Amino acid sequence: MNTQKLEVGQVSPFPSQLGPSLNYTGNGFDLVINLPDLTPREISSYKNGPYRFELLEKNQLMIMLFEFKPGCPLSDAPFHMSQYPDDRAANLPETIEDGQGFALQIIVIEQRSQKIKALRTIGLPTKFSRDLLDVCRKQLKHPLSKSEYDEAVNQTFKNYTTRQLARYSFSKAKG
């Protein structure tokens, strides 16, 4: 499980992969957004702005679409629960109780310096969390190797733009 302390201004402990990635930590999800040349407006939007999230499934992947206003356009983060070499999947809850939901920690990193520029925790709504849990459980029944995962990601983004993928979303949350 991921229990490391994160602070704005510190060097990121995450891999320096450009773009967004969604990760299950064992007790919630991290949405790590690693971008170059972040503006103060973008940083402010990630910290405090209105947001929307959407879930969809395509090519055995779950894709979380997200947007922060103003100034942070619709983006995507592919995910498959079988991509963890450790046992964190064992920490998936059995159910999501009424009024409960997953925590989603937003971690914004400036790509060149690798410094954390914004942190935000969002409590996901119950229905969205249940849908997320259902997809994770389904993915565990149909694991993908690393090469299969990479191929699914490549095929998906070769054939669809982020906006086109939004047509396939089945669960939404906003705040």
Protein backbone atom coordinates (compact mmCIF):
# COMPACT_ATOMS: atom_id res chain seq x y z
CA MET A 1 0.00 0.00 0.00
CA ASN A 2 1.08 3.53 -0.73
CA THR A 3 1.37 5.54 2.49
CA GLN A 4 4.07 8.04 1.56
CA LYS A 5 3.72 11.68 2.56
CA LEU A 6 3.35 14.11 -0.33
CA GLU A 7 3.82 17.88 -0.19
CA VAL A 8 3.54 20.65 -2.75
CA GLY A 9 7.06 21.67 -3.76
CA GLN A 10 8.70 18.31 -3.11
CA VAL A 11 10.23 16.26 -5.91
CA SER A 12 7.76 13.66 -7.11
CA PRO A 13 8.30 10.06 -6.00
CA PHE A 14 6.34 8.86 -9.06
CA PRO A 15 7.87 7.72 -12.36
CA SER A 16 8.39 10.69 -14.69
CA GLN A 17 5.87 9.45 -17.25
CA LEU A 18 4.48 12.37 -19.23
CA GLY A 19 0.71 12.77 -19.05
CA PRO A 20 -1.89 11.39 -16.67
CA SER A 21 -1.95 8.00 -14.97
CA LEU A 22 -4.50 6.41 -12.68
CA ASN A 23 -3.19 4.19 -9.90
CA TYR A 24 -4.84 2.09 -7.21
CA THR A 25 -2.98 2.58 -3.93
CA GLY A 26 -4.62 -0.10 -1.82
CA ASN A 27 -6.88 2.40 -0.06
CA GLY A 28 -8.03 4.66 -2.90
CA PHE A 29 -6.87 6.00 -6.23
CA ASP A 30 -4.22 8.50 -7.32
CA LEU A 31 -4.64 10.49 -10.50
CA VAL A 32 -1.08 11.60 -11.27
CA ILE A 33 -0.94 14.39 -13.86
CA ASN A 34 2.59 15.05 -15.10
CA LEU A 35 2.67 17.95 -17.58
CA PRO A 36 5.24 20.45 -18.87
CA ASP A 37 4.95 24.22 -18.51
CA LEU A 38 1.96 24.32 -16.15
CA THR A 39 0.45 27.79 -15.89
CA PRO A 40 -0.76 29.32 -12.59
CA ARG A 41 -4.32 29.10 -13.99
CA GLU A 42 -4.00 25.37 -14.66
CA ILE A 43 -2.50 24.72 -11.23
CA SER A 44 -5.35 26.68 -9.62
CA SER A 45 -7.93 24.70 -11.62
CA TYR A 46 -6.46 21.37 -10.50
CA LYS A 47 -6.39 22.60 -6.88
CA ASN A 48 -9.79 24.27 -6.63
CA GLY A 49 -11.71 24.25 -9.90
CA PRO A 50 -14.91 22.46 -10.83
CA TYR A 51 -14.27 18.98 -12.16
CA ARG A 52 -15.93 16.13 -13.96
CA PHE A 53 -14.96 12.48 -14.21
CA GLU A 54 -16.30 9.80 -16.54
CA LEU A 55 -15.65 6.07 -16.72
CA LEU A 56 -15.72 3.90 -19.80
CA GLU A 57 -14.48 0.50 -20.90
CA LYS A 58 -12.78 -0.08 -24.22
CA ASN A 59 -10.45 -2.92 -25.37
CA GLN A 60 -10.43 -4.48 -21.87
CA LEU A 61 -9.27 -1.16 -20.38
CA MET A 62 -11.04 1.14 -18.01
CA ILE A 63 -10.45 4.73 -18.99
CA MET A 64 -11.11 7.59 -16.62
CA LEU A 65 -11.84 10.80 -18.45
CA PHE A 66 -11.40 13.99 -16.46
CA GLU A 67 -11.66 17.74 -16.88
CA PHE A 68 -10.91 20.62 -14.53
CA LYS A 69 -12.23 24.11 -15.23
CA PRO A 70 -11.09 26.59 -16.30
CA GLY A 71 -8.28 25.77 -18.64
CA CYS A 72 -7.66 22.04 -18.18
CA PRO A 73 -9.35 20.25 -21.09
CA LEU A 74 -10.81 16.78 -21.20
CA SER A 75 -8.04 14.21 -20.70
CA ASP A 76 -7.82 10.46 -20.24
CA ALA A 77 -6.08 7.94 -18.01
CA PRO A 78 -6.20 4.24 -19.02
CA PHE A 79 -6.18 1.64 -16.27
CA HIS A 80 -6.19 -2.10 -15.72
CA MET A 81 -6.22 -3.58 -12.22
CA SER A 82 -4.00 -6.52 -13.20
CA GLN A 83 -0.97 -4.28 -13.83
CA TYR A 84 0.24 -4.34 -10.21
CA PRO A 85 2.92 -6.90 -9.28
CA ASP A 86 2.05 -6.69 -5.58
CA ASP A 87 -1.08 -7.75 -3.70
CA ARG A 88 -2.82 -4.36 -3.46
CA ALA A 89 -5.83 -5.78 -5.34
CA ALA A 90 -6.53 -7.80 -2.20
CA ASN A 91 -7.37 -4.47 -0.54
CA LEU A 92 -10.29 -3.72 -2.83
CA PRO A 93 -13.38 -3.36 -0.68
CA GLU A 94 -16.08 -6.00 -0.97
CA THR A 95 -18.73 -3.33 -1.40
CA ILE A 96 -19.20 0.42 -1.26
CA GLU A 97 -21.74 1.29 1.41
CA ASP A 98 -24.45 3.91 0.81
CA GLY A 99 -23.00 7.38 1.33
CA GLN A 100 -19.41 6.13 0.96
CA GLY A 101 -16.95 6.22 -1.93
CA PHE A 102 -13.34 5.98 -2.98
CA ALA A 103 -10.92 8.81 -2.31
CA LEU A 104 -9.24 10.14 -5.44
CA GLN A 105 -6.02 12.04 -4.80
CA ILE A 106 -5.07 14.44 -7.57
CA ILE A 107 -1.29 14.91 -7.82
CA VAL A 108 -0.11 17.51 -10.33
CA ILE A 109 3.57 17.44 -11.28
CA GLU A 110 5.54 19.88 -13.42
CA GLN A 111 7.29 17.57 -15.87
CA ARG A 112 10.60 19.40 -16.26
CA SER A 113 11.38 19.91 -12.55
CA GLN A 114 9.41 16.85 -11.38
CA LYS A 115 8.09 18.97 -8.50
CA ILE A 116 4.58 18.54 -7.13
CA LYS A 117 2.60 21.70 -7.94
CA ALA A 118 -0.85 20.78 -6.62
CA LEU A 119 -2.53 18.23 -4.38
CA ARG A 120 -6.25 17.69 -3.98
CA THR A 121 -8.35 14.91 -2.55
CA ILE A 122 -11.84 14.32 -3.92
CA GLY A 123 -14.37 11.96 -2.40
CA LEU A 124 -15.98 10.14 -5.31
CA PRO A 125 -19.76 9.64 -5.17
CA THR A 126 -21.18 6.27 -4.15
CA LYS A 127 -22.51 5.23 -7.57
CA PHE A 128 -19.32 6.26 -9.37
CA SER A 129 -17.25 4.38 -6.77
CA ARG A 130 -19.41 1.27 -7.14
CA ASP A 131 -18.99 1.40 -10.92
CA LEU A 132 -15.24 1.81 -10.48
CA LEU A 133 -15.12 -1.15 -8.10
CA ASP A 134 -17.17 -3.31 -10.49
CA VAL A 135 -14.75 -2.65 -13.36
CA CYS A 136 -11.72 -3.38 -11.15
CA ARG A 137 -13.22 -6.70 -10.06
CA LYS A 138 -14.08 -7.61 -13.66
CA GLN A 139 -10.51 -6.78 -14.74
CA LEU A 140 -9.07 -9.09 -12.08
CA LYS A 141 -11.03 -11.97 -13.64
CA HIS A 142 -9.47 -11.16 -17.04
CA PRO A 143 -5.87 -10.09 -16.41
CA LEU A 144 -3.66 -8.60 -19.10
CA SER A 145 0.08 -9.03 -19.43
CA LYS A 146 2.13 -5.83 -19.69
CA SER A 147 2.44 -6.29 -23.46
CA GLU A 148 -1.33 -6.94 -23.82
CA TYR A 149 -2.05 -3.83 -21.76
CA ASP A 150 0.33 -1.72 -23.87
CA GLU A 151 -1.25 -3.05 -27.07
CA ALA A 152 -4.77 -2.29 -25.77
CA VAL A 153 -3.70 1.28 -24.92
CA ASN A 154 -2.04 1.75 -28.32
CA GLN A 155 -5.04 0.38 -30.23
CA THR A 156 -7.53 2.45 -28.24
CA PHE A 157 -5.75 5.76 -28.74
CA LYS A 158 -4.92 4.97 -32.37
CA ASN A 159 -8.65 4.62 -33.08
CA TYR A 160 -10.29 7.16 -30.76
CA THR A 161 -9.73 10.71 -29.59
CA THR A 162 -10.52 11.54 -25.99
CA ARG A 163 -13.71 13.32 -27.08
CA GLN A 164 -14.79 10.27 -29.09
CA LEU A 165 -14.19 8.03 -26.08
CA ALA A 166 -16.55 10.19 -24.01
CA ARG A 167 -19.46 8.79 -26.05
CA TYR A 168 -18.84 5.42 -24.38
CA SER A 169 -18.86 6.61 -20.77
CA PHE A 170 -21.27 4.82 -18.45
CA SER A 171 -20.65 6.61 -15.16
CA LYS A 172 -20.12 10.30 -14.39
CA ALA A 173 -19.25 12.45 -11.41
CA LYS A 174 -18.82 16.18 -11.09
CA GLY A 175 -18.24 18.77 -8.45
